[in-house]
């Protein structure tokens, strides 16, 4: 029960990495609010997890500032406090070579990944600073450490998330608040199944070939699992992670070697 009595908010928490983190936090004793756009999918997830009144769903869109800020506020109002924020929502968006990438597609990817993280972090800090305690965990990507073809906007966005993580950590490090980023490698989530074929097509290969190619980049020669990312999130959220801040922690099977 590493997180007994703690209150966590997880954006994009109805599926994939976000759901795995929510479940892991619940198993460690936390109460959790998840934000998602699709109420049917989110309510189904809440029912399947079966955590009773320790798990609530608050509808919202990570690309909308009011939604993100409302989610943070409502989590604190519902449970009485906010200890942990996981900025998980994000994605690659439109996948085009740089020469073909539109301003609109670039802006959308930045809003989905960077602005959503900024909005959530800023709002959460207003609650955490007076309490002299907080854990902010940003779900970034190994593309925040290097990059791949047709992922220009996503790579730029995750580099920005990593930079924001390091800067914010230096601002609040003496106030009992840690700020870290987890950088997952390839994980076969629903969003990868949905968008992966488009990425592969833009790269001129099949989806299966893309999965093999990305897997071969890692030391473990396989995709990671959502549970492996969730385990890192538990560490960072717990007292054991109190001395870790401003870190970009890879959970990528050794794909990024720094």
Protein backbone atom coordinates (compact mmCIF):
# COMPACT_ATOMS: atom_id res chain seq x y z
CA UNK A 1 0.00 0.00 0.00
CA UNK A 2 2.65 2.50 -1.10
CA UNK A 3 0.05 5.15 -1.94
CA UNK A 4 -2.42 4.62 0.89
CA UNK A 5 -4.56 7.73 1.35
CA UNK A 6 -3.16 9.56 -1.67
CA UNK A 7 -5.37 11.19 -4.31
CA UNK A 8 -4.37 10.89 -7.97
CA UNK A 9 -5.69 12.38 -11.21
CA UNK A 10 -4.88 10.63 -14.50
CA UNK A 11 -5.70 12.15 -17.89
CA UNK A 12 -6.48 9.69 -20.65
CA UNK A 13 -7.16 7.15 -17.94
CA UNK A 14 -9.76 4.90 -19.58
CA UNK A 15 -7.40 2.77 -21.66
CA UNK A 16 -3.80 1.87 -22.40
CA UNK A 17 -1.06 3.35 -20.25
CA UNK A 18 -3.45 5.64 -18.38
CA UNK A 19 -5.72 2.82 -17.31
CA UNK A 20 -2.76 0.67 -16.24
CA UNK A 21 -1.46 3.52 -14.08
CA UNK A 22 -4.89 4.10 -12.54
CA UNK A 23 -5.20 0.40 -11.71
CA UNK A 24 -1.71 0.26 -10.22
CA UNK A 25 -2.38 3.32 -8.06
CA UNK A 26 -5.63 1.79 -6.83
CA UNK A 27 -3.85 -1.43 -5.95
CA UNK A 28 -1.40 0.59 -3.86
CA UNK A 29 -4.20 2.24 -1.88
CA UNK A 30 -4.76 5.52 -3.71
CA UNK A 31 -8.08 7.00 -4.79
CA UNK A 32 -8.10 7.95 -8.46
CA UNK A 33 -9.97 10.22 -10.87
CA UNK A 34 -9.62 9.53 -14.58
CA UNK A 35 -10.36 11.92 -17.42
CA UNK A 36 -11.38 10.73 -20.88
CA UNK A 37 -13.35 12.03 -23.86
CA UNK A 38 -15.51 8.94 -24.40
CA UNK A 39 -17.94 8.48 -21.50
CA UNK A 40 -19.12 5.04 -22.64
CA UNK A 41 -15.58 3.70 -22.79
CA UNK A 42 -14.60 5.33 -19.51
CA UNK A 43 -17.66 4.13 -17.59
CA UNK A 44 -17.04 0.61 -18.90
CA UNK A 45 -13.46 0.82 -17.61
CA UNK A 46 -14.64 2.03 -14.19
CA UNK A 47 -17.09 -0.87 -13.98
CA UNK A 48 -14.44 -3.40 -15.04
CA UNK A 49 -11.88 -2.13 -12.54
CA UNK A 50 -14.45 -2.29 -9.76
CA UNK A 51 -12.77 -0.03 -7.21
CA UNK A 52 -15.98 1.36 -5.77
CA UNK A 53 -15.94 4.98 -4.62
CA UNK A 54 -12.13 5.14 -4.84
CA UNK A 55 -12.38 5.53 -8.64
CA UNK A 56 -14.32 8.26 -10.43
CA UNK A 57 -14.62 9.33 -14.06
CA UNK A 58 -14.69 12.99 -15.04
CA UNK A 59 -15.37 13.67 -18.71
CA UNK A 60 -12.98 16.01 -20.48
CA UNK A 61 -10.87 16.67 -23.55
CA UNK A 62 -7.11 17.07 -23.10
CA UNK A 63 -7.03 19.52 -26.01
CA UNK A 64 -9.40 21.89 -24.20
CA UNK A 65 -7.95 24.10 -21.47
CA UNK A 66 -11.18 24.41 -19.50
CA UNK A 67 -11.59 20.61 -19.50
CA UNK A 68 -8.10 19.98 -18.15
CA UNK A 69 -8.29 22.64 -15.47
CA UNK A 70 -11.81 21.54 -14.49
CA UNK A 71 -10.57 17.96 -14.16
CA UNK A 72 -7.85 18.95 -11.72
CA UNK A 73 -10.22 21.10 -9.69
CA UNK A 74 -13.02 18.52 -9.60
CA UNK A 75 -10.64 15.78 -8.51
CA UNK A 76 -9.56 17.89 -5.54
CA UNK A 77 -13.15 18.86 -4.74
CA UNK A 78 -14.41 15.28 -4.92
CA UNK A 79 -11.68 13.69 -2.81
CA UNK A 80 -10.70 16.71 -0.70
CA UNK A 81 -7.14 17.07 -2.02
CA UNK A 82 -4.80 16.32 -4.92
CA UNK A 83 -1.46 14.61 -4.36
CA UNK A 84 -0.57 13.11 -7.74
CA UNK A 85 -1.17 14.27 -11.30
CA UNK A 86 -0.37 12.04 -14.25
CA UNK A 87 -0.41 13.97 -17.53
CA UNK A 88 -0.93 10.91 -19.70
CA UNK A 89 -3.21 12.09 -22.52
CA UNK A 90 -1.45 12.64 -25.83
CA UNK A 91 -0.64 11.11 -29.16
CA UNK A 92 1.04 11.47 -32.51
CA UNK A 93 -1.81 13.05 -34.48
CA UNK A 94 -1.42 13.52 -38.24
CA UNK A 95 1.61 11.64 -39.55
CA UNK A 96 3.31 13.34 -42.47
CA UNK A 97 6.86 14.07 -43.59
CA UNK A 98 7.94 17.52 -42.44
CA UNK A 99 7.66 18.90 -45.97
CA UNK A 100 3.96 17.94 -46.07
CA UNK A 101 3.02 18.69 -42.46
CA UNK A 102 0.38 21.41 -42.13
CA UNK A 103 0.35 24.16 -39.52
CA UNK A 104 -2.99 22.87 -38.28
CA UNK A 105 -1.69 19.32 -37.76
CA UNK A 106 1.43 20.59 -36.00
CA UNK A 107 -0.63 22.84 -33.73
CA UNK A 108 -3.03 20.01 -32.86
CA UNK A 109 -0.21 17.69 -31.84
CA UNK A 110 1.36 20.38 -29.70
CA UNK A 111 -1.96 21.13 -28.01
CA UNK A 112 -2.68 17.46 -27.37
CA UNK A 113 0.72 16.78 -25.80
CA UNK A 114 2.35 20.02 -24.66
CA UNK A 115 -0.49 22.38 -23.82
CA UNK A 116 -2.49 19.68 -22.04
CA UNK A 117 0.55 18.91 -19.87
CA UNK A 118 1.14 22.60 -19.21
CA UNK A 119 -2.49 23.30 -18.30
CA UNK A 120 -2.68 20.33 -15.95
CA UNK A 121 0.66 21.02 -14.31
CA UNK A 122 -0.03 24.71 -13.72
CA UNK A 123 -3.42 24.00 -12.17
CA UNK A 124 -2.12 21.16 -10.01
CA UNK A 125 0.76 23.24 -8.67
CA UNK A 126 -1.69 25.82 -7.34
CA UNK A 127 -3.11 23.05 -5.15
CA UNK A 128 0.14 21.28 -4.32
CA UNK A 129 2.34 24.22 -3.36
CA UNK A 130 0.23 25.27 -0.34
CA UNK A 131 0.34 21.65 0.89
CA UNK A 132 4.11 21.35 0.38
CA UNK A 133 3.59 18.01 -1.33
CA UNK A 134 2.96 16.74 -4.82
CA UNK A 135 3.93 14.32 -7.53
CA UNK A 136 3.60 15.30 -11.18
CA UNK A 137 4.30 12.54 -13.70
CA UNK A 138 4.34 13.36 -17.40
CA UNK A 139 4.00 10.52 -19.87
CA UNK A 140 6.43 11.45 -22.61
CA UNK A 141 8.08 9.10 -25.12
CA UNK A 142 11.46 7.95 -26.30
CA UNK A 143 10.70 10.28 -29.22
CA UNK A 144 11.37 13.01 -26.65
CA UNK A 145 14.99 11.80 -26.69
CA UNK A 146 15.42 11.13 -30.39
CA UNK A 147 13.08 10.98 -33.40
CA UNK A 148 11.72 8.98 -36.30
CA UNK A 149 10.61 9.89 -39.82
CA UNK A 150 7.04 11.27 -40.14
CA UNK A 151 6.91 11.92 -36.38
CA UNK A 152 8.18 15.50 -36.58
CA UNK A 153 5.34 17.12 -34.65
CA UNK A 154 5.18 14.35 -32.05
CA UNK A 155 8.96 14.40 -31.57
CA UNK A 156 8.90 18.19 -31.12
CA UNK A 157 6.02 17.90 -28.66
CA UNK A 158 7.66 15.26 -26.49
CA UNK A 159 10.96 17.15 -26.45
CA UNK A 160 8.94 20.12 -25.19
CA UNK A 161 7.28 17.99 -22.49
CA UNK A 162 10.71 16.80 -21.35
CA UNK A 163 12.03 20.34 -21.19
CA UNK A 164 8.98 21.50 -19.25
CA UNK A 165 9.48 18.61 -16.84
CA UNK A 166 13.08 19.57 -16.08
CA UNK A 167 12.37 23.29 -15.71
CA UNK A 168 9.32 22.84 -13.48
CA UNK A 169 11.18 20.37 -11.26
CA UNK A 170 13.82 23.01 -10.55
CA UNK A 171 11.12 25.53 -9.63
CA UNK A 172 9.36 23.42 -7.00
CA UNK A 173 12.04 21.05 -5.77
CA UNK A 174 12.30 22.68 -2.35
CA UNK A 175 8.53 22.59 -1.83
CA UNK A 176 8.02 18.86 -1.49
CA UNK A 177 6.97 18.44 -5.12
CA UNK A 178 8.63 16.22 -7.70
CA UNK A 179 8.15 16.47 -11.45
CA UNK A 180 9.30 13.64 -13.70
CA UNK A 181 8.68 12.25 -17.17
CA UNK A 182 8.36 8.62 -18.14
CA UNK A 183 9.50 7.92 -21.69
CA UNK A 184 7.91 4.69 -22.94
CA UNK A 185 9.12 2.90 -26.02
CA UNK A 186 6.87 0.91 -28.30
CA UNK A 187 3.74 -0.38 -26.54
CA UNK A 188 0.86 -1.96 -28.44
CA UNK A 189 -2.04 0.07 -27.04
CA UNK A 190 -5.39 0.76 -28.70
CA UNK A 191 -4.11 4.06 -30.06
CA UNK A 192 -1.11 2.30 -31.65
CA UNK A 193 -3.43 -0.28 -33.22
CA UNK A 194 -5.63 2.52 -34.55
CA UNK A 195 -2.94 4.93 -35.78
CA UNK A 196 -0.01 2.56 -36.32
CA UNK A 197 -1.03 1.46 -39.81
CA UNK A 198 -0.95 5.12 -40.93
CA UNK A 199 2.52 5.56 -39.46
CA UNK A 200 3.72 2.40 -41.19
CA UNK A 201 2.20 3.49 -44.48
CA UNK A 202 3.95 6.87 -44.26
CA UNK A 203 7.20 4.97 -43.62
CA UNK A 204 6.57 2.77 -46.67
CA UNK A 205 6.28 -0.49 -44.70
CA UNK A 206 3.53 -2.67 -43.26
CA UNK A 207 2.28 -2.35 -39.68
CA UNK A 208 3.81 -5.72 -38.81
CA UNK A 209 7.15 -4.67 -40.30
CA UNK A 210 7.04 -1.45 -38.31
CA UNK A 211 6.45 -3.33 -35.05
CA UNK A 212 9.37 -5.64 -35.84
CA UNK A 213 11.60 -2.70 -36.76
CA UNK A 214 10.85 -0.78 -33.56
CA UNK A 215 11.23 -3.94 -31.46
CA UNK A 216 14.66 -4.60 -32.96
CA UNK A 217 15.80 -1.17 -31.75
CA UNK A 218 15.48 -2.30 -28.14
CA UNK A 219 17.71 -4.51 -26.03
CA UNK A 220 14.79 -6.74 -25.06
CA UNK A 221 13.67 -7.20 -28.70
CA UNK A 222 9.96 -6.82 -27.88
CA UNK A 223 7.40 -4.11 -27.21
CA UNK A 224 7.06 -2.95 -23.63
CA UNK A 225 3.91 -3.51 -21.58
CA UNK A 226 1.61 -0.95 -20.01
CA UNK A 227 2.19 -2.60 -16.64
CA UNK A 228 5.90 -1.81 -16.89
CA UNK A 229 5.14 1.90 -17.29
CA UNK A 230 2.64 1.74 -14.44
CA UNK A 231 5.26 0.24 -12.13
CA UNK A 232 7.54 3.20 -12.79
CA UNK A 233 4.67 5.59 -12.11
CA UNK A 234 4.05 3.92 -8.74
CA UNK A 235 7.71 4.37 -7.81
CA UNK A 236 7.67 8.05 -8.74
CA UNK A 237 4.39 8.66 -6.90
CA UNK A 238 5.51 6.91 -3.71
CA UNK A 239 7.78 8.00 -0.89
CA UNK A 240 10.50 5.88 -2.48
CA UNK A 241 10.55 8.37 -5.35
CA UNK A 242 10.99 11.46 -3.18
CA UNK A 243 14.59 11.91 -4.30
CA UNK A 244 13.84 11.60 -8.01
CA UNK A 245 12.87 14.79 -9.82
CA UNK A 246 13.55 16.42 -13.15
CA UNK A 247 14.27 12.96 -14.56
CA UNK A 248 13.41 11.55 -17.97
CA UNK A 249 13.02 7.88 -17.15
CA UNK A 250 12.95 5.48 -20.09
CA UNK A 251 10.74 2.41 -19.99
CA UNK A 252 11.68 1.34 -23.48
CA UNK A 253 13.63 -1.90 -23.25
CA UNK A 254 16.88 -0.07 -23.88
CA UNK A 255 15.92 1.70 -27.12
CA UNK A 256 17.19 5.10 -25.97
CA UNK A 257 20.59 4.79 -24.40
CA UNK A 258 20.52 7.95 -22.29
